[in-house]
Amino acid sequence: MATKTLQSLERGLDLLFLFSAEKPILSLEDISQALDLPESTAYRLAATLCKKGVLARSATGKGYELHAGLLRLLSAVRSRLDIAGIALPSLETLARESGETSQLCLLHGNEVVCAEAVCSTNTIRFMPEKGRAVPLHTSALGRAVLAFLPQTFLARYLRRPGLQAVTPYTVTDPRKFQTILAQIRSQGWAISFQQNLVGARGLAVPVFDHEERVVASLGISGPHPRFSDRRAHSLVPSLLRHGRSISLALGASPGAPRFLAPPRHSAKPAPARTRTVRISSDGGR
């Protein structure tokens, strides 16, 4: 049996969700048309919300805007948001599906820091330390974040600290690196091989907050050849779904950029690499 709801309350909440950074002020006509309500009904809803301190008349008096009183709710939500806790079920699922180590990394200055990880059960595996930081350009986890930061940030990053090599294979050419970032922005996910640790392959997606800002990355890492290029590509749809789920839990809008939409097709794997690289048994991306 369907749960009965209060239509007037639903309409009031629908009205509040009409506002956004792009539309901070709405006229009575805007509200009426968006909710498909007579202007008289829209006016009563707006008046009620103004009385309760969650809506206010704009400075010009020609529309409505959200009241600062709503910041009390924002503080309450932020106080209980634990991104690592939110991501843990996804990390566990991804580790189980892939057989490799899954990680959540948070943006911190010019690096990403491991906030949570679920290690592979294989004998040879990566065991990242919580709190360990790596440069943004040297792993899929870092690139998935850097690709969606403002261009001004990227320009500063390329100047300092710059694309310093961590392994003999780290991409250090700015033009080549910016081409890689453009591809990540286009497809919504990043893949890397031997950029931070010889023999390691990583796959990652960005995580966004309620303001559609990239704040973290979710990824899978493993040793070559077990975690092959083909195997990594096969996990892209699942990783995208989990990244989107975490972003939505942090308040990102379902109608946000294209890379938050559920994947429709599996990614096409690139030709398999044939070169085998000897690796260590722990650490790295």
C-alpha atoms as a PDB file:
ATOM      1  CA  MET A   1       0.000   0.000   0.000  1.00  0.00           C
ATOM      2  CA  ALA A   2       1.384   3.377  -1.027  1.00  0.00           C
ATOM      3  CA  THR A   3       2.278   5.784   1.765  1.00  0.00           C
ATOM      4  CA  LYS A   4      -0.022   8.781   1.947  1.00  0.00           C
ATOM      5  CA  THR A   5       1.727  12.145   1.732  1.00  0.00           C
ATOM      6  CA  LEU A   6       0.758  15.767   2.248  1.00  0.00           C
ATOM      7  CA  GLN A   7       0.413  17.343  -1.183  1.00  0.00           C
ATOM      8  CA  SER A   8       0.885  20.861   0.141  1.00  0.00           C
ATOM      9  CA  LEU A   9       4.157  19.879   1.823  1.00  0.00           C
ATOM     10  CA  GLU A  10       5.342  18.156  -1.345  1.00  0.00           C
ATOM     11  CA  ARG A  11       4.609  21.279  -3.335  1.00  0.00           C
ATOM     12  CA  GLY A  12       6.449  23.439  -0.816  1.00  0.00           C
ATOM     13  CA  LEU A  13       9.541  21.247  -1.029  1.00  0.00           C
ATOM     14  CA  ASP A  14       9.308  21.140  -4.821  1.00  0.00           C
ATOM     15  CA  LEU A  15       9.290  24.937  -4.754  1.00  0.00           C
ATOM     16  CA  LEU A  16      12.483  25.081  -2.675  1.00  0.00           C
ATOM     17  CA  PHE A  17      14.258  22.702  -5.044  1.00  0.00           C
ATOM     18  CA  LEU A  18      13.554  25.036  -7.969  1.00  0.00           C
ATOM     19  CA  PHE A  19      16.330  27.323  -6.722  1.00  0.00           C
ATOM     20  CA  SER A  20      19.937  26.768  -7.760  1.00  0.00           C
ATOM     21  CA  ALA A  21      23.205  28.645  -8.218  1.00  0.00           C
ATOM     22  CA  GLU A  22      22.065  29.403 -11.774  1.00  0.00           C
ATOM     23  CA  LYS A  23      18.596  30.485 -10.622  1.00  0.00           C
ATOM     24  CA  PRO A  24      18.983  32.168  -7.210  1.00  0.00           C
ATOM     25  CA  ILE A  25      15.902  34.371  -7.720  1.00  0.00           C
ATOM     26  CA  LEU A  26      12.530  33.238  -9.088  1.00  0.00           C
ATOM     27  CA  SER A  27       9.479  35.303  -9.895  1.00  0.00           C
ATOM     28  CA  LEU A  28       5.962  34.220  -8.983  1.00  0.00           C
ATOM     29  CA  GLU A  29       5.398  33.462 -12.656  1.00  0.00           C
ATOM     30  CA  ASP A  30       8.523  31.266 -12.736  1.00  0.00           C
ATOM     31  CA  ILE A  31       7.281  29.278  -9.751  1.00  0.00           C
ATOM     32  CA  SER A  32       3.772  28.970 -11.119  1.00  0.00           C
ATOM     33  CA  GLN A  33       4.969  27.662 -14.485  1.00  0.00           C
ATOM     34  CA  ALA A  34       7.604  25.299 -13.072  1.00  0.00           C
ATOM     35  CA  LEU A  35       5.149  23.669 -10.648  1.00  0.00           C
ATOM     36  CA  ASP A  36       2.199  23.875 -13.048  1.00  0.00           C
ATOM     37  CA  LEU A  37       0.102  25.720 -10.452  1.00  0.00           C
ATOM     38  CA  PRO A  38      -2.194  28.753 -10.593  1.00  0.00           C
ATOM     39  CA  GLU A  39      -0.353  31.911  -9.506  1.00  0.00           C
ATOM     40  CA  SER A  40      -2.697  32.243  -6.545  1.00  0.00           C
ATOM     41  CA  THR A  41      -1.641  28.805  -5.244  1.00  0.00           C
ATOM     42  CA  ALA A  42       2.022  29.533  -5.944  1.00  0.00           C
ATOM     43  CA  TYR A  43       1.684  32.798  -4.022  1.00  0.00           C
ATOM     44  CA  ARG A  44       0.210  31.053  -0.956  1.00  0.00           C
ATOM     45  CA  LEU A  45       3.029  28.484  -0.991  1.00  0.00           C
ATOM     46  CA  ALA A  46       5.669  31.218  -1.240  1.00  0.00           C
ATOM     47  CA  ALA A  47       4.005  33.273   1.499  1.00  0.00           C
ATOM     48  CA  THR A  48       3.943  30.257   3.831  1.00  0.00           C
ATOM     49  CA  LEU A  49       7.606  29.524   3.224  1.00  0.00           C
ATOM     50  CA  CYS A  50       8.477  33.167   3.825  1.00  0.00           C
ATOM     51  CA  LYS A  51       6.582  33.044   7.129  1.00  0.00           C
ATOM     52  CA  LYS A  52       8.588  29.970   8.180  1.00  0.00           C
ATOM     53  CA  GLY A  53      11.906  31.657   7.390  1.00  0.00           C
ATOM     54  CA  VAL A  54      13.096  29.491   4.517  1.00  0.00           C
ATOM     55  CA  LEU A  55      12.142  31.848   1.669  1.00  0.00           C
ATOM     56  CA  ALA A  56      12.384  35.642   1.350  1.00  0.00           C
ATOM     57  CA  ARG A  57      11.434  38.375  -1.067  1.00  0.00           C
ATOM     58  CA  SER A  58      14.378  39.472  -3.203  1.00  0.00           C
ATOM     59  CA  ALA A  59      15.956  42.903  -2.662  1.00  0.00           C
ATOM     60  CA  THR A  60      14.145  44.271  -5.699  1.00  0.00           C
ATOM     61  CA  GLY A  61      10.824  42.895  -4.478  1.00  0.00           C
ATOM     62  CA  LYS A  62      10.249  41.302  -7.891  1.00  0.00           C
ATOM     63  CA  GLY A  63      10.874  37.723  -6.896  1.00  0.00           C
ATOM     64  CA  TYR A  64      11.820  35.250  -4.197  1.00  0.00           C
ATOM     65  CA  GLU A  65      15.120  33.854  -2.945  1.00  0.00           C
ATOM     66  CA  LEU A  66      16.179  31.292  -0.377  1.00  0.00           C
ATOM     67  CA  HIS A  67      16.435  32.659   3.164  1.00  0.00           C
ATOM     68  CA  ALA A  68      19.746  32.467   5.034  1.00  0.00           C
ATOM     69  CA  GLY A  69      17.896  30.544   7.733  1.00  0.00           C
ATOM     70  CA  LEU A  70      18.385  27.434   5.585  1.00  0.00           C
ATOM     71  CA  LEU A  71      22.079  27.523   6.502  1.00  0.00           C
ATOM     72  CA  ARG A  72      21.117  25.883   9.792  1.00  0.00           C
ATOM     73  CA  LEU A  73      20.098  22.814   7.811  1.00  0.00           C
ATOM     74  CA  LEU A  74      23.325  22.918   5.807  1.00  0.00           C
ATOM     75  CA  SER A  75      25.366  22.879   9.002  1.00  0.00           C
ATOM     76  CA  ALA A  76      23.366  19.926  10.293  1.00  0.00           C
ATOM     77  CA  VAL A  77      23.890  17.957   7.080  1.00  0.00           C
ATOM     78  CA  ARG A  78      27.613  18.698   6.917  1.00  0.00           C
ATOM     79  CA  SER A  79      28.090  17.626  10.522  1.00  0.00           C
ATOM     80  CA  ARG A  80      26.974  14.080   9.679  1.00  0.00           C
ATOM     81  CA  LEU A  81      28.577  13.678   6.261  1.00  0.00           C
ATOM     82  CA  ASP A  82      31.356  11.123   6.490  1.00  0.00           C
ATOM     83  CA  ILE A  83      32.522  10.586   2.934  1.00  0.00           C
ATOM     84  CA  ALA A  84      34.674   7.582   3.850  1.00  0.00           C
ATOM     85  CA  GLY A  85      31.723   5.958   5.619  1.00  0.00           C
ATOM     86  CA  ILE A  86      29.439   6.728   2.688  1.00  0.00           C
ATOM     87  CA  ALA A  87      31.927   5.212   0.249  1.00  0.00           C
ATOM     88  CA  LEU A  88      32.768   2.066   2.236  1.00  0.00           C
ATOM     89  CA  PRO A  89      29.915  -0.135   0.872  1.00  0.00           C
ATOM     90  CA  SER A  90      30.952   0.814  -2.673  1.00  0.00           C
ATOM     91  CA  LEU A  91      34.603   0.103  -1.895  1.00  0.00           C
ATOM     92  CA  GLU A  92      33.704  -3.338  -0.563  1.00  0.00           C
ATOM     93  CA  THR A  93      31.589  -4.142  -3.619  1.00  0.00           C
ATOM     94  CA  LEU A  94      34.252  -2.943  -6.062  1.00  0.00           C
ATOM     95  CA  ALA A  95      36.984  -4.953  -4.310  1.00  0.00           C
ATOM     96  CA  ARG A  96      34.800  -8.032  -4.454  1.00  0.00           C
ATOM     97  CA  GLU A  97      33.841  -7.531  -8.123  1.00  0.00           C
ATOM     98  CA  SER A  98      37.351  -6.760  -9.306  1.00  0.00           C
ATOM     99  CA  GLY A  99      39.413  -8.961  -7.012  1.00  0.00           C
ATOM    100  CA  GLU A 100      41.703  -5.932  -6.626  1.00  0.00           C
ATOM    101  CA  THR A 101      42.185  -3.124  -4.116  1.00  0.00           C
ATOM    102  CA  SER A 102      39.627  -0.302  -4.128  1.00  0.00           C
ATOM    103  CA  GLN A 103      40.349   3.159  -2.764  1.00  0.00           C
ATOM    104  CA  LEU A 104      38.760   6.496  -1.940  1.00  0.00           C
ATOM    105  CA  CYS A 105      41.107   9.471  -2.153  1.00  0.00           C
ATOM    106  CA  LEU A 106      40.386  13.042  -1.080  1.00  0.00           C
ATOM    107  CA  LEU A 107      41.735  16.186  -2.707  1.00  0.00           C
ATOM    108  CA  HIS A 108      44.271  17.951  -0.486  1.00  0.00           C
ATOM    109  CA  GLY A 109      46.244  20.777  -2.054  1.00  0.00           C
ATOM    110  CA  ASN A 110      48.314  19.410  -4.940  1.00  0.00           C
ATOM    111  CA  GLU A 111      47.787  15.795  -3.897  1.00  0.00           C
ATOM    112  CA  VAL A 112      45.144  13.178  -3.272  1.00  0.00           C
ATOM    113  CA  VAL A 113      45.183  11.442   0.100  1.00  0.00           C
ATOM    114  CA  CYS A 114      43.958   7.898   0.724  1.00  0.00           C
ATOM    115  CA  ALA A 115      40.956   8.177   3.045  1.00  0.00           C
ATOM    116  CA  GLU A 116      39.694   4.597   2.869  1.00  0.00           C
ATOM    117  CA  ALA A 117      40.637   1.363   1.119  1.00  0.00           C
ATOM    118  CA  VAL A 118      39.531  -2.248   0.868  1.00  0.00           C
ATOM    119  CA  CYS A 119      42.428  -4.510  -0.045  1.00  0.00           C
ATOM    120  CA  SER A 120      42.418  -7.375  -2.488  1.00  0.00           C
ATOM    121  CA  THR A 121      42.410 -10.890  -1.062  1.00  0.00           C
ATOM    122  CA  ASN A 122      45.116 -11.980  -3.504  1.00  0.00           C
ATOM    123  CA  THR A 123      48.571 -12.744  -2.136  1.00  0.00           C
ATOM    124  CA  ILE A 124      50.175 -10.149  -4.430  1.00  0.00           C
ATOM    125  CA  ARG A 125      48.182  -6.990  -3.848  1.00  0.00           C
ATOM    126  CA  PHE A 126      48.377  -3.285  -3.181  1.00  0.00           C
ATOM    127  CA  MET A 127      47.936  -2.227   0.446  1.00  0.00           C
ATOM    128  CA  PRO A 128      47.641   1.577   0.480  1.00  0.00           C
ATOM    129  CA  GLU A 129      48.122   3.354   3.781  1.00  0.00           C
ATOM    130  CA  LYS A 130      45.372   5.688   4.962  1.00  0.00           C
ATOM    131  CA  GLY A 131      46.720   9.205   4.950  1.00  0.00           C
ATOM    132  CA  ARG A 132      49.315   8.508   2.273  1.00  0.00           C
ATOM    133  CA  ALA A 133      49.415  11.237  -0.362  1.00  0.00           C
ATOM    134  CA  VAL A 134      50.445  11.120  -4.024  1.00  0.00           C
ATOM    135  CA  PRO A 135      50.784  13.947  -6.584  1.00  0.00           C
ATOM    136  CA  LEU A 136      47.700  14.648  -8.671  1.00  0.00           C
ATOM    137  CA  HIS A 137      49.415  13.823 -11.979  1.00  0.00           C
ATOM    138  CA  THR A 138      50.884  10.422 -11.107  1.00  0.00           C
ATOM    139  CA  SER A 139      47.860   8.148 -10.718  1.00  0.00           C
ATOM    140  CA  ALA A 140      44.381   7.563 -12.085  1.00  0.00           C
ATOM    141  CA  LEU A 141      43.033   8.585  -8.670  1.00  0.00           C
ATOM    142  CA  GLY A 142      44.792  11.939  -8.921  1.00  0.00           C
ATOM    143  CA  ARG A 143      44.060  12.549 -12.587  1.00  0.00           C
ATOM    144  CA  ALA A 144      40.343  11.843 -12.085  1.00  0.00           C
ATOM    145  CA  VAL A 145      40.337  14.822  -9.720  1.00  0.00           C
ATOM    146  CA  LEU A 146      42.733  17.122 -11.576  1.00  0.00           C
ATOM    147  CA  ALA A 147      40.789  16.805 -14.838  1.00  0.00           C
ATOM    148  CA  PHE A 148      37.740  18.433 -13.251  1.00  0.00           C
ATOM    149  CA  LEU A 149      39.457  21.209 -11.315  1.00  0.00           C
ATOM    150  CA  PRO A 150      39.394  24.765 -12.758  1.00  0.00           C
ATOM    151  CA  GLN A 151      41.823  25.548 -15.560  1.00  0.00           C
ATOM    152  CA  THR A 152      43.433  28.199 -13.338  1.00  0.00           C
ATOM    153  CA  PHE A 153      44.347  25.446 -10.853  1.00  0.00           C
ATOM    154  CA  LEU A 154      45.795  23.283 -13.627  1.00  0.00           C
ATOM    155  CA  ALA A 155      47.876  26.176 -14.966  1.00  0.00           C
ATOM    156  CA  ARG A 156      49.346  26.794 -11.497  1.00  0.00           C
ATOM    157  CA  TYR A 157      49.961  23.077 -11.001  1.00  0.00           C
ATOM    158  CA  LEU A 158      51.878  22.764 -14.272  1.00  0.00           C
ATOM    159  CA  ARG A 159      54.144  25.637 -13.161  1.00  0.00           C
ATOM    160  CA  ARG A 160      54.582  24.390  -9.607  1.00  0.00           C
ATOM    161  CA  PRO A 161      55.014  21.664  -8.485  1.00  0.00           C
ATOM    162  CA  GLY A 162      55.020  20.638 -12.160  1.00  0.00           C
ATOM    163  CA  LEU A 163      54.964  17.181 -13.732  1.00  0.00           C
ATOM    164  CA  GLN A 164      57.790  15.579 -11.815  1.00  0.00           C
ATOM    165  CA  ALA A 165      58.614  11.978 -12.701  1.00  0.00           C
ATOM    166  CA  VAL A 166      57.979   9.324 -10.054  1.00  0.00           C
ATOM    167  CA  THR A 167      58.750   6.350 -12.304  1.00  0.00           C
ATOM    168  CA  PRO A 168      60.548   6.116 -15.674  1.00  0.00           C
ATOM    169  CA  TYR A 169      57.074   6.050 -17.281  1.00  0.00           C
ATOM    170  CA  THR A 170      55.476   9.104 -15.626  1.00  0.00           C
ATOM    171  CA  VAL A 171      54.099  11.523 -18.235  1.00  0.00           C
ATOM    172  CA  THR A 172      56.014  14.794 -17.826  1.00  0.00           C
ATOM    173  CA  ASP A 173      55.232  16.550 -21.108  1.00  0.00           C
ATOM    174  CA  PRO A 174      52.589  19.265 -20.402  1.00  0.00           C
ATOM    175  CA  ARG A 175      50.951  19.030 -23.851  1.00  0.00           C
ATOM    176  CA  LYS A 176      50.617  15.260 -23.707  1.00  0.00           C
ATOM    177  CA  PHE A 177      49.343  15.467 -20.143  1.00  0.00           C
ATOM    178  CA  GLN A 178      46.678  18.059 -21.003  1.00  0.00           C
ATOM    179  CA  THR A 179      45.509  15.806 -23.856  1.00  0.00           C
ATOM    180  CA  ILE A 180      45.112  12.996 -21.324  1.00  0.00           C
ATOM    181  CA  LEU A 181      43.098  15.257 -19.016  1.00  0.00           C
ATOM    182  CA  ALA A 182      40.851  16.336 -21.900  1.00  0.00           C
ATOM    183  CA  GLN A 183      40.063  12.682 -22.612  1.00  0.00           C
ATOM    184  CA  ILE A 184      39.272  12.088 -18.927  1.00  0.00           C
ATOM    185  CA  ARG A 185      36.876  15.044 -18.908  1.00  0.00           C
ATOM    186  CA  SER A 186      35.210  13.721 -22.053  1.00  0.00           C
ATOM    187  CA  GLN A 187      34.711  10.134 -20.883  1.00  0.00           C
ATOM    188  CA  GLY A 188      34.342  10.740 -17.131  1.00  0.00           C
ATOM    189  CA  TRP A 189      37.014   8.282 -15.935  1.00  0.00           C
ATOM    190  CA  ALA A 190      40.786   7.909 -15.789  1.00  0.00           C
ATOM    191  CA  ILE A 191      43.173   5.015 -16.321  1.00  0.00           C
ATOM    192  CA  SER A 192      46.907   4.947 -15.700  1.00  0.00           C
ATOM    193  CA  PHE A 193      49.750   2.458 -15.992  1.00  0.00           C
ATOM    194  CA  GLN A 194      53.115   2.616 -14.184  1.00  0.00           C
ATOM    195  CA  GLN A 195      52.728   6.330 -13.483  1.00  0.00           C
ATOM    196  CA  ASN A 196      53.271   6.116  -9.715  1.00  0.00           C
ATOM    197  CA  LEU A 197      54.583   2.561  -9.268  1.00  0.00           C
ATOM    198  CA  VAL A 198      56.199   0.275 -11.842  1.00  0.00           C
ATOM    199  CA  GLY A 199      53.841  -2.572 -12.687  1.00  0.00           C
ATOM    200  CA  ALA A 200      50.722  -0.896 -11.292  1.00  0.00           C
ATOM    201  CA  ARG A 201      47.543  -0.079 -13.207  1.00  0.00           C
ATOM    202  CA  GLY A 202      44.828   2.185 -11.825  1.00  0.00           C
ATOM    203  CA  LEU A 203      41.274   3.070 -12.795  1.00  0.00           C
ATOM    204  CA  ALA A 204      39.345   5.925 -11.172  1.00  0.00           C
ATOM    205  CA  VAL A 205      36.321   8.218 -11.394  1.00  0.00           C
ATOM    206  CA  PRO A 206      35.720  11.648  -9.837  1.00  0.00           C
ATOM    207  CA  VAL A 207      33.386  12.274  -6.893  1.00  0.00           C
ATOM    208  CA  PHE A 208      31.452  15.557  -6.672  1.00  0.00           C
ATOM    209  CA  ASP A 209      29.768  17.433  -3.821  1.00  0.00           C
ATOM    210  CA  HIS A 210      26.519  19.420  -3.593  1.00  0.00           C
ATOM    211  CA  GLU A 211      28.073  22.328  -5.486  1.00  0.00           C
ATOM    212  CA  GLU A 212      29.242  20.015  -8.302  1.00  0.00           C
ATOM    213  CA  ARG A 213      32.858  20.511  -7.211  1.00  0.00           C
ATOM    214  CA  VAL A 214      35.227  17.582  -7.505  1.00  0.00           C
ATOM    215  CA  VAL A 215      36.309  16.626  -3.982  1.00  0.00           C
ATOM    216  CA  ALA A 216      37.511  13.043  -4.238  1.00  0.00           C
ATOM    217  CA  SER A 217      38.084  10.054  -6.463  1.00  0.00           C
ATOM    218  CA  LEU A 218      37.062   6.425  -6.318  1.00  0.00           C
ATOM    219  CA  GLY A 219      39.287   3.837  -7.868  1.00  0.00           C
ATOM    220  CA  ILE A 220      40.626   0.329  -8.312  1.00  0.00           C
ATOM    221  CA  SER A 221      44.298  -0.600  -8.546  1.00  0.00           C
ATOM    222  CA  GLY A 222      46.130  -3.820  -9.193  1.00  0.00           C
ATOM    223  CA  PRO A 223      49.261  -5.416 -10.625  1.00  0.00           C
ATOM    224  CA  HIS A 224      49.899  -6.068 -14.286  1.00  0.00           C
ATOM    225  CA  PRO A 225      49.280  -8.481 -15.954  1.00  0.00           C
ATOM    226  CA  ARG A 226      46.527  -9.708 -13.616  1.00  0.00           C
ATOM    227  CA  PHE A 227      44.812  -6.302 -13.631  1.00  0.00           C
ATOM    228  CA  SER A 228      45.109  -5.948 -17.381  1.00  0.00           C
ATOM    229  CA  ASP A 229      44.010  -3.057 -19.560  1.00  0.00           C
ATOM    230  CA  ARG A 230      41.068  -5.129 -20.793  1.00  0.00           C
ATOM    231  CA  ARG A 231      40.065  -6.086 -17.245  1.00  0.00           C
ATOM    232  CA  ALA A 232      40.228  -2.459 -16.120  1.00  0.00           C
ATOM    233  CA  HIS A 233      38.028  -1.298 -19.007  1.00  0.00           C
ATOM    234  CA  SER A 234      35.441  -3.963 -18.172  1.00  0.00           C
ATOM    235  CA  LEU A 235      35.024  -2.417 -14.704  1.00  0.00           C
ATOM    236  CA  VAL A 236      34.378   1.139 -15.928  1.00  0.00           C
ATOM    237  CA  PRO A 237      30.518   0.924 -15.888  1.00  0.00           C
ATOM    238  CA  SER A 238      30.440  -0.404 -12.321  1.00  0.00           C
ATOM    239  CA  LEU A 239      32.954   2.180 -11.119  1.00  0.00           C
ATOM    240  CA  LEU A 240      30.955   4.983 -12.750  1.00  0.00           C
ATOM    241  CA  ARG A 241      27.768   3.804 -11.028  1.00  0.00           C
ATOM    242  CA  HIS A 242      29.419   3.747  -7.624  1.00  0.00           C
ATOM    243  CA  GLY A 243      31.059   7.128  -8.164  1.00  0.00           C
ATOM    244  CA  ARG A 244      27.697   8.594  -9.127  1.00  0.00           C
ATOM    245  CA  SER A 245      26.043   7.020  -6.070  1.00  0.00           C
ATOM    246  CA  ILE A 246      28.595   8.585  -3.709  1.00  0.00           C
ATOM    247  CA  SER A 247      28.288  11.964  -5.451  1.00  0.00           C
ATOM    248  CA  LEU A 248      24.500  11.885  -5.070  1.00  0.00           C
ATOM    249  CA  ALA A 249      24.891  10.996  -1.384  1.00  0.00           C
ATOM    250  CA  LEU A 250      27.045  14.119  -1.021  1.00  0.00           C
ATOM    251  CA  GLY A 251      24.288  16.239  -2.551  1.00  0.00           C
ATOM    252  CA  ALA A 252      25.237  16.359  -6.224  1.00  0.00           C
ATOM    253  CA  SER A 253      22.237  16.886  -8.473  1.00  0.00           C
ATOM    254  CA  PRO A 254      21.006  13.936 -10.603  1.00  0.00           C
ATOM    255  CA  GLY A 255      20.756  16.391 -13.468  1.00  0.00           C
ATOM    256  CA  ALA A 256      24.355  17.547 -13.067  1.00  0.00           C
ATOM    257  CA  PRO A 257      27.047  17.142 -15.739  1.00  0.00           C
ATOM    258  CA  ARG A 258      27.029  14.283 -18.209  1.00  0.00           C
ATOM    259  CA  PHE A 259      29.655  12.281 -16.335  1.00  0.00           C
ATOM    260  CA  LEU A 260      27.203  11.819 -13.443  1.00  0.00           C
ATOM    261  CA  ALA A 261      24.675  10.064 -15.671  1.00  0.00           C
ATOM    262  CA  PRO A 262      24.459   6.264 -15.374  1.00  0.00           C
ATOM    263  CA  PRO A 263      26.646   4.612 -18.042  1.00  0.00           C
ATOM    264  CA  ARG A 264      24.692   3.215 -20.981  1.00  0.00           C
ATOM    265  CA  HIS A 265      27.401   1.098 -22.554  1.00  0.00           C
ATOM    266  CA  SER A 266      30.485  -0.717 -21.403  1.00  0.00           C
ATOM    267  CA  ALA A 267      33.738   0.997 -22.228  1.00  0.00           C
ATOM    268  CA  LYS A 268      35.586  -0.480 -25.198  1.00  0.00           C
ATOM    269  CA  PRO A 269      38.865  -1.983 -24.118  1.00  0.00           C
ATOM    270  CA  ALA A 270      42.065  -0.800 -25.701  1.00  0.00           C
ATOM    271  CA  PRO A 271      44.342  -3.392 -27.310  1.00  0.00           C
ATOM    272  CA  ALA A 272      45.863  -5.611 -24.650  1.00  0.00           C
ATOM    273  CA  ARG A 273      49.430  -4.871 -23.626  1.00  0.00           C
ATOM    274  CA  THR A 274      51.857  -7.715 -23.940  1.00  0.00           C
ATOM    275  CA  ARG A 275      54.766  -6.434 -21.844  1.00  0.00           C
ATOM    276  CA  THR A 276      54.940  -7.922 -18.360  1.00  0.00           C
ATOM    277  CA  VAL A 277      56.503  -5.866 -15.579  1.00  0.00           C
ATOM    278  CA  ARG A 278      57.929  -7.263 -12.357  1.00  0.00           C
ATOM    279  CA  ILE A 279      56.262  -5.672  -9.319  1.00  0.00           C
ATOM    280  CA  SER A 280      56.549  -5.447  -5.575  1.00  0.00           C
ATOM    281  CA  SER A 281      53.914  -7.019  -3.364  1.00  0.00           C
ATOM    282  CA  ASP A 282      52.489  -3.916  -1.704  1.00  0.00           C
ATOM    283  CA  GLY A 283      51.879  -0.175  -1.950  1.00  0.00           C
ATOM    284  CA  GLY A 284      51.184   2.224  -4.787  1.00  0.00           C
ATOM    285  CA  ARG A 285      48.485   2.983  -7.319  1.00  0.00           C
END
